[in-house]
């Protein structure tokens, strides 16, 4: 199964940029060929094993960017072959949830991708990720099954939290990718409008509390652990390989803690036979988080915003649990996604 941040090394940006969004003519003729050549050269120079192809947020199967991106994929594949570089080419498909839900439009896009040269597809779905409802997870799982006929790895991009483990458990995707305590859900607002100079801010680390399936800002995490010794004992990291000093290491090294715990979650799930993996996910992941959130939500917490958030999380988990339980009972698991190969295998190690 996939491991966040370790599935590939992609270079999809050019050495220069524009003060506007690209238009389709920016990739016509020699300009498009030159861009493809520069990207392949950069990937080869930096020892990459996989290359993310061009992508745009598609509005429909007739979106002009779909054919243009596929054409650029072909140019990039030609450049890879010409250079003799051993690079796998990935197609990053970005779509709104409404398009993914629409079976006719979804299958039309999949049909269009049949002639796109790629070794894997990375799927980014707008407003889907670590905060997805059970209904969205069910729709995502159903939609992904249509991609399996291609017979290449399908990776859920920007998919974290319980929903990320869920789509793995149901075999909808063969791997997941997301940032370290950030970018665990795909938001396309920045794709729709050019950035304004001087605005925006850099992301900050958050603290992962797997028992509650939450990522908290340091101040909120401090308030949670200070609320009660029972909460501290329940939610503090007890894995000495991860955080030898418990909560202190969770707070002091949040990235390390998040990566280690996420890896263990995926490894544990991967160790369960596919035939009983969904039931394991429901009982060992969803129900445990639901019960722990319900237990913590009743404690008085000094941070009012956090307290309200945990109460909302309790209600969300109740609905999520019911939906996933129904999906476990009714899903026929007609197909399972191909898993991506590890970097060591791609390099022949």
Protein backbone atom coordinates (compact mmCIF):
# COMPACT_ATOMS: atom_id res chain seq x y z
CA UNK A 1 0.00 0.00 0.00
CA UNK A 2 1.03 3.56 -0.46
CA UNK A 3 2.97 5.57 2.06
CA UNK A 4 2.41 9.35 2.29
CA UNK A 5 5.09 11.31 0.53
CA UNK A 6 7.08 8.22 -0.45
CA UNK A 7 5.30 6.96 -3.56
CA UNK A 8 7.05 9.09 -6.13
CA UNK A 9 9.17 12.09 -6.84
CA UNK A 10 7.41 14.26 -9.39
CA UNK A 11 8.58 17.39 -11.15
CA UNK A 12 5.62 19.07 -12.81
CA UNK A 13 6.74 22.71 -12.61
CA UNK A 14 8.72 24.54 -15.25
CA UNK A 15 11.87 26.63 -14.57
CA UNK A 16 9.84 29.71 -15.41
CA UNK A 17 6.32 30.91 -14.66
CA UNK A 18 3.77 33.40 -15.89
CA UNK A 19 1.81 36.11 -14.13
CA UNK A 20 -1.40 34.45 -15.31
CA UNK A 21 -2.88 31.00 -15.56
CA UNK A 22 -1.75 28.97 -18.57
CA UNK A 23 -4.00 28.67 -21.59
CA UNK A 24 -4.13 25.76 -24.01
CA UNK A 25 -2.01 27.53 -26.64
CA UNK A 26 0.95 27.71 -24.20
CA UNK A 27 1.53 24.02 -24.93
CA UNK A 28 1.14 24.03 -28.70
CA UNK A 29 3.85 23.00 -31.13
CA UNK A 30 7.48 23.62 -30.27
CA UNK A 31 6.61 25.40 -26.99
CA UNK A 32 4.94 22.26 -25.66
CA UNK A 33 7.78 20.06 -26.88
CA UNK A 34 10.34 22.31 -25.22
CA UNK A 35 8.50 22.20 -21.91
CA UNK A 36 8.32 18.40 -22.05
CA UNK A 37 12.04 18.17 -22.81
CA UNK A 38 12.99 20.45 -19.93
CA UNK A 39 10.87 18.53 -17.43
CA UNK A 40 12.31 15.16 -18.47
CA UNK A 41 15.85 16.56 -18.34
CA UNK A 42 15.26 17.95 -14.84
CA UNK A 43 13.77 14.67 -13.60
CA UNK A 44 16.65 12.64 -15.01
CA UNK A 45 19.26 15.01 -13.59
CA UNK A 46 17.76 14.77 -10.11
CA UNK A 47 17.59 10.97 -10.07
CA UNK A 48 13.80 10.69 -10.06
CA UNK A 49 12.12 7.39 -10.81
CA UNK A 50 8.64 8.73 -11.57
CA UNK A 51 7.35 11.89 -13.19
CA UNK A 52 4.03 13.61 -12.60
CA UNK A 53 2.53 14.67 -15.90
CA UNK A 54 0.58 17.87 -16.58
CA UNK A 55 -2.86 18.24 -15.07
CA UNK A 56 -5.72 20.70 -14.79
CA UNK A 57 -8.98 20.61 -12.86
CA UNK A 58 -11.46 19.21 -15.38
CA UNK A 59 -15.03 20.48 -15.57
CA UNK A 60 -16.35 17.78 -17.91
CA UNK A 61 -15.22 15.06 -20.33
CA UNK A 62 -15.28 17.77 -23.03
CA UNK A 63 -12.94 20.08 -21.15
CA UNK A 64 -10.30 21.24 -23.70
CA UNK A 65 -7.55 20.72 -21.12
CA UNK A 66 -8.17 16.96 -21.06
CA UNK A 67 -7.00 16.41 -24.64
CA UNK A 68 -4.20 18.96 -24.21
CA UNK A 69 -2.87 17.25 -21.09
CA UNK A 70 -3.00 13.86 -22.80
CA UNK A 71 -1.10 15.33 -25.75
CA UNK A 72 1.55 16.67 -23.36
CA UNK A 73 1.75 13.24 -21.72
CA UNK A 74 2.50 11.76 -25.15
CA UNK A 75 5.19 14.37 -25.79
CA UNK A 76 6.71 13.69 -22.39
CA UNK A 77 6.66 9.93 -23.01
CA UNK A 78 8.43 10.52 -26.35
CA UNK A 79 11.07 12.63 -24.59
CA UNK A 80 11.61 9.90 -21.98
CA UNK A 81 12.08 7.31 -24.72
CA UNK A 82 14.40 9.61 -26.66
CA UNK A 83 16.55 10.32 -23.61
CA UNK A 84 16.84 6.64 -22.65
CA UNK A 85 15.91 7.58 -19.08
CA UNK A 86 14.13 4.99 -16.93
CA UNK A 87 11.19 7.12 -15.79
CA UNK A 88 7.62 6.05 -15.05
CA UNK A 89 5.06 8.61 -16.19
CA UNK A 90 2.08 9.30 -13.93
CA UNK A 91 -1.21 10.91 -14.98
CA UNK A 92 -2.56 13.15 -12.17
CA UNK A 93 -6.32 13.36 -12.71
CA UNK A 94 -8.04 16.25 -10.90
CA UNK A 95 -11.85 16.38 -10.91
CA UNK A 96 -14.71 17.80 -8.83
CA UNK A 97 -16.68 15.32 -6.72
CA UNK A 98 -19.82 15.94 -8.77
CA UNK A 99 -18.03 14.74 -11.91
CA UNK A 100 -16.66 11.65 -10.15
CA UNK A 101 -20.16 10.78 -8.92
CA UNK A 102 -21.65 11.02 -12.43
CA UNK A 103 -21.15 7.55 -13.91
CA UNK A 104 -21.60 8.65 -17.54
CA UNK A 105 -19.13 11.54 -17.33
CA UNK A 106 -16.69 9.52 -15.21
CA UNK A 107 -16.58 6.69 -17.72
CA UNK A 108 -16.17 9.14 -20.59
CA UNK A 109 -13.05 10.55 -18.93
CA UNK A 110 -11.71 7.05 -18.27
CA UNK A 111 -12.28 6.18 -21.93
CA UNK A 112 -10.40 9.33 -22.98
CA UNK A 113 -7.48 8.34 -20.76
CA UNK A 114 -7.16 5.00 -22.55
CA UNK A 115 -4.64 6.53 -24.98
CA UNK A 116 -2.73 8.48 -22.33
CA UNK A 117 0.73 6.91 -21.87
CA UNK A 118 1.10 6.40 -18.14
CA UNK A 119 2.27 3.83 -15.62
CA UNK A 120 -0.17 4.98 -12.91
CA UNK A 121 -3.05 7.38 -12.27
CA UNK A 122 -3.09 9.69 -9.25
CA UNK A 123 -6.65 10.78 -8.46
CA UNK A 124 -7.32 14.18 -6.86
CA UNK A 125 -10.98 14.80 -6.05
CA UNK A 126 -12.03 18.28 -5.03
CA UNK A 127 -13.26 18.51 -1.42
CA UNK A 128 -12.39 14.89 -0.70
CA UNK A 129 -9.84 13.91 1.91
CA UNK A 130 -9.45 13.52 5.64
CA UNK A 131 -12.75 15.29 6.39
CA UNK A 132 -14.87 13.30 3.93
CA UNK A 133 -18.23 11.98 5.07
CA UNK A 134 -19.13 8.33 4.89
CA UNK A 135 -21.38 9.07 1.92
CA UNK A 136 -18.45 10.61 0.02
CA UNK A 137 -16.25 7.63 0.85
CA UNK A 138 -18.90 5.27 -0.50
CA UNK A 139 -19.20 7.30 -3.72
CA UNK A 140 -15.41 7.43 -4.09
CA UNK A 141 -15.08 3.66 -3.63
CA UNK A 142 -17.77 2.97 -6.24
CA UNK A 143 -16.23 5.39 -8.74
CA UNK A 144 -12.70 4.04 -8.37
CA UNK A 145 -13.79 0.56 -9.43
CA UNK A 146 -14.29 1.89 -12.97
CA UNK A 147 -10.59 2.80 -13.12
CA UNK A 148 -9.41 -0.71 -12.23
CA UNK A 149 -9.99 -2.09 -15.73
CA UNK A 150 -6.95 -0.12 -16.94
CA UNK A 151 -4.80 -2.53 -14.92
CA UNK A 152 -2.35 0.10 -13.64
CA UNK A 153 -1.85 1.46 -10.09
CA UNK A 154 -4.45 3.93 -8.88
CA UNK A 155 -3.37 6.28 -6.08
CA UNK A 156 -5.63 8.52 -4.00
CA UNK A 157 -3.84 11.88 -3.87
CA UNK A 158 -4.41 14.37 -1.01
CA UNK A 159 -6.32 11.68 0.90
CA UNK A 160 -5.62 11.37 4.62
CA UNK A 161 -7.35 10.47 7.88
CA UNK A 162 -9.87 7.67 8.31
CA UNK A 163 -11.21 8.17 4.77
CA UNK A 164 -7.69 7.52 3.43
CA UNK A 165 -7.45 4.24 5.32
CA UNK A 166 -11.00 3.46 4.24
CA UNK A 167 -10.41 3.71 0.50
CA UNK A 168 -7.36 1.48 0.98
CA UNK A 169 -9.36 -1.05 3.00
CA UNK A 170 -12.05 -1.30 0.33
CA UNK A 171 -9.43 -1.76 -2.39
CA UNK A 172 -10.60 1.38 -4.19
CA UNK A 173 -7.00 2.58 -4.54
CA UNK A 174 -3.69 0.78 -4.26
CA UNK A 175 -1.98 3.63 -2.42
CA UNK A 176 -2.53 7.05 -0.91
CA UNK A 177 -0.46 10.22 -0.89
CA UNK A 178 -0.71 13.33 1.27
CA UNK A 179 1.44 15.92 2.99
CA UNK A 180 2.96 15.63 6.44
CA UNK A 181 0.25 16.98 8.80
CA UNK A 182 -1.10 19.09 5.92
CA UNK A 183 -2.59 18.80 2.40
CA UNK A 184 -4.67 15.80 3.40
CA UNK A 185 -7.69 16.99 1.43
CA UNK A 186 -7.78 18.46 -2.07
CA UNK A 187 -8.88 22.09 -2.25
CA UNK A 188 -8.96 23.53 -5.76
CA UNK A 189 -9.59 27.20 -4.99
CA UNK A 190 -5.97 28.11 -5.79
CA UNK A 191 -6.28 26.27 -9.09
CA UNK A 192 -9.23 28.43 -10.15
CA UNK A 193 -7.62 31.83 -9.68
CA UNK A 194 -4.06 33.13 -9.90
CA UNK A 195 -2.35 33.85 -6.55
CA UNK A 196 -2.27 37.47 -5.39
CA UNK A 197 1.20 38.70 -4.53
CA UNK A 198 1.62 39.50 -0.85
CA UNK A 199 -1.33 37.39 0.26
CA UNK A 200 -1.36 33.96 1.80
CA UNK A 201 0.76 32.32 4.45
CA UNK A 202 2.91 29.26 4.83
CA UNK A 203 1.40 26.13 6.38
CA UNK A 204 2.43 25.17 9.90
CA UNK A 205 2.97 21.78 11.50
CA UNK A 206 0.06 20.17 13.31
CA UNK A 207 0.00 17.43 15.91
CA UNK A 208 -1.54 14.12 14.87
CA UNK A 209 -3.77 12.43 17.45
CA UNK A 210 -4.65 9.09 15.80
CA UNK A 211 -7.01 8.03 18.60
CA UNK A 212 -9.29 10.93 17.62
CA UNK A 213 -8.39 11.10 13.91
CA UNK A 214 -7.51 14.80 14.22
CA UNK A 215 -4.64 17.12 13.37
CA UNK A 216 -4.40 19.92 15.92
CA UNK A 217 -2.48 23.16 15.98
CA UNK A 218 0.11 23.11 18.80
CA UNK A 219 -1.95 25.41 21.05
CA UNK A 220 -5.05 23.24 20.68
CA UNK A 221 -3.02 20.08 21.28
CA UNK A 222 -1.62 21.58 24.49
CA UNK A 223 -5.15 22.42 25.64
CA UNK A 224 -6.29 18.86 24.91
CA UNK A 225 -3.50 17.20 26.89
CA UNK A 226 -3.82 19.68 29.74
CA UNK A 227 -7.57 19.10 30.12
CA UNK A 228 -7.27 15.81 32.01
CA UNK A 229 -4.66 13.21 32.95
CA UNK A 230 -7.06 10.64 31.51
CA UNK A 231 -7.04 12.35 28.10
CA UNK A 232 -3.27 12.62 28.26
CA UNK A 233 -3.00 8.89 28.98
CA UNK A 234 -5.55 7.99 26.31
CA UNK A 235 -4.30 10.22 23.50
CA UNK A 236 -0.60 10.55 24.25
CA UNK A 237 1.75 8.47 22.10
CA UNK A 238 2.78 5.32 23.96
CA UNK A 239 4.94 3.94 21.15
CA UNK A 240 8.50 4.21 22.44
CA UNK A 241 9.88 3.68 18.94
CA UNK A 242 7.99 6.79 17.87
CA UNK A 243 7.91 9.07 20.91
CA UNK A 244 10.15 7.83 23.76
CA UNK A 245 9.02 10.75 25.93
CA UNK A 246 5.35 10.48 25.08
CA UNK A 247 3.43 13.74 24.69
CA UNK A 248 6.59 15.82 24.88
CA UNK A 249 7.93 14.16 21.73
CA UNK A 250 4.54 14.36 20.01
CA UNK A 251 4.59 18.11 20.52
CA UNK A 252 8.29 18.55 19.89
CA UNK A 253 8.54 16.38 16.78
CA UNK A 254 5.05 16.40 15.22
CA UNK A 255 6.21 15.52 11.69
CA UNK A 256 8.16 12.47 12.82
CA UNK A 257 5.28 11.31 14.98
CA UNK A 258 2.73 11.76 12.19
CA UNK A 259 4.81 9.92 9.58
CA UNK A 260 5.63 7.03 11.92
CA UNK A 261 2.06 6.54 13.12
CA UNK A 262 0.60 6.80 9.62
CA UNK A 263 3.05 4.20 8.37
CA UNK A 264 2.10 1.82 11.18
CA UNK A 265 -1.63 2.29 10.45
CA UNK A 266 -1.12 1.36 6.81
CA UNK A 267 1.14 -1.56 7.67
CA UNK A 268 -1.39 -2.99 10.12
CA UNK A 269 -4.17 -2.68 7.54
CA UNK A 270 -1.99 -4.20 4.84
CA UNK A 271 -1.32 -7.20 7.07
CA UNK A 272 -5.01 -8.14 7.11
CA UNK A 273 -6.30 -10.42 4.30
CA UNK A 274 -8.30 -8.49 1.70
CA UNK A 275 -11.35 -10.69 2.34
CA UNK A 276 -11.76 -9.36 5.90
CA UNK A 277 -9.98 -6.02 5.56
CA UNK A 278 -13.12 -3.87 5.43
CA UNK A 279 -14.52 -5.47 8.60
CA UNK A 280 -11.16 -4.95 10.30
CA UNK A 281 -11.19 -1.29 9.26
CA UNK A 282 -14.69 -0.84 10.67
CA UNK A 283 -13.94 -2.53 14.00
CA UNK A 284 -10.33 -1.54 14.64
CA UNK A 285 -10.29 1.93 13.12
CA UNK A 286 -13.72 3.50 12.74
CA UNK A 287 -15.37 2.16 15.89
CA UNK A 288 -12.34 2.81 18.07
CA UNK A 289 -12.07 6.41 16.91
CA UNK A 290 -15.82 6.90 17.29
CA UNK A 291 -15.76 5.58 20.86
CA UNK A 292 -12.67 7.57 21.84
CA UNK A 293 -14.03 10.81 20.42
CA UNK A 294 -17.29 10.30 22.30
CA UNK A 295 -15.35 9.72 25.52
CA UNK A 296 -13.12 12.77 25.14
CA UNK A 297 -15.88 15.11 23.96
CA UNK A 298 -17.57 15.08 27.39
CA UNK A 299 -14.49 16.39 29.21
CA UNK A 300 -14.31 20.12 29.98
CA UNK A 301 -11.58 21.59 27.78
CA UNK A 302 -10.23 25.11 28.24
CA UNK A 303 -10.16 25.79 24.50
CA UNK A 304 -13.78 26.52 23.53
CA UNK A 305 -13.10 26.20 19.81
CA UNK A 306 -11.52 22.79 20.32
CA UNK A 307 -14.34 21.65 22.61
CA UNK A 308 -16.93 22.62 19.98
CA UNK A 309 -14.87 20.91 17.29
CA UNK A 310 -14.73 17.66 19.26
CA UNK A 311 -18.48 17.75 19.82
CA UNK A 312 -18.99 18.20 16.09
CA UNK A 313 -16.52 15.39 15.45
CA UNK A 314 -18.55 13.11 17.73
CA UNK A 315 -21.67 13.67 15.62
CA UNK A 316 -19.74 13.24 12.37
CA UNK A 317 -18.19 9.98 13.57
CA UNK A 318 -21.57 8.58 14.50
CA UNK A 319 -22.84 9.14 10.95
CA UNK A 320 -19.56 7.97 9.43
CA UNK A 321 -19.66 4.76 11.46
CA UNK A 322 -23.21 3.96 10.33
CA UNK A 323 -22.42 4.56 6.67
CA UNK A 324 -19.24 2.50 6.69
CA UNK A 325 -21.00 -0.34 8.53
CA UNK A 326 -23.63 -0.40 5.78
CA UNK A 327 -20.94 -0.28 3.09
CA UNK A 328 -19.10 -3.22 4.66
CA UNK A 329 -22.32 -5.26 4.57
CA UNK A 330 -23.29 -4.39 0.99
CA UNK A 331 -20.03 -3.86 -0.91
CA UNK A 332 -19.23 -6.76 -3.21
CA UNK A 333 -15.57 -5.76 -3.76
CA UNK A 334 -15.82 -6.66 -7.43
CA UNK A 335 -12.25 -5.50 -8.04
CA UNK A 336 -9.19 -4.34 -6.13
CA UNK A 337 -6.83 -1.62 -7.31
CA UNK A 338 -3.27 -2.43 -8.34
CA UNK A 339 -0.77 -1.25 -5.74
CA UNK A 340 2.13 0.98 -6.81
CA UNK A 341 5.63 -0.43 -6.58
CA UNK A 342 8.05 0.89 -3.98
CA UNK A 343 10.87 3.18 -5.03
CA UNK A 344 13.48 0.51 -4.25
CA UNK A 345 11.74 -1.92 -6.62
CA UNK A 346 11.55 0.72 -9.35
CA UNK A 347 15.29 1.26 -9.06
CA UNK A 348 15.90 -2.47 -9.29
CA UNK A 349 17.06 -2.82 -5.66
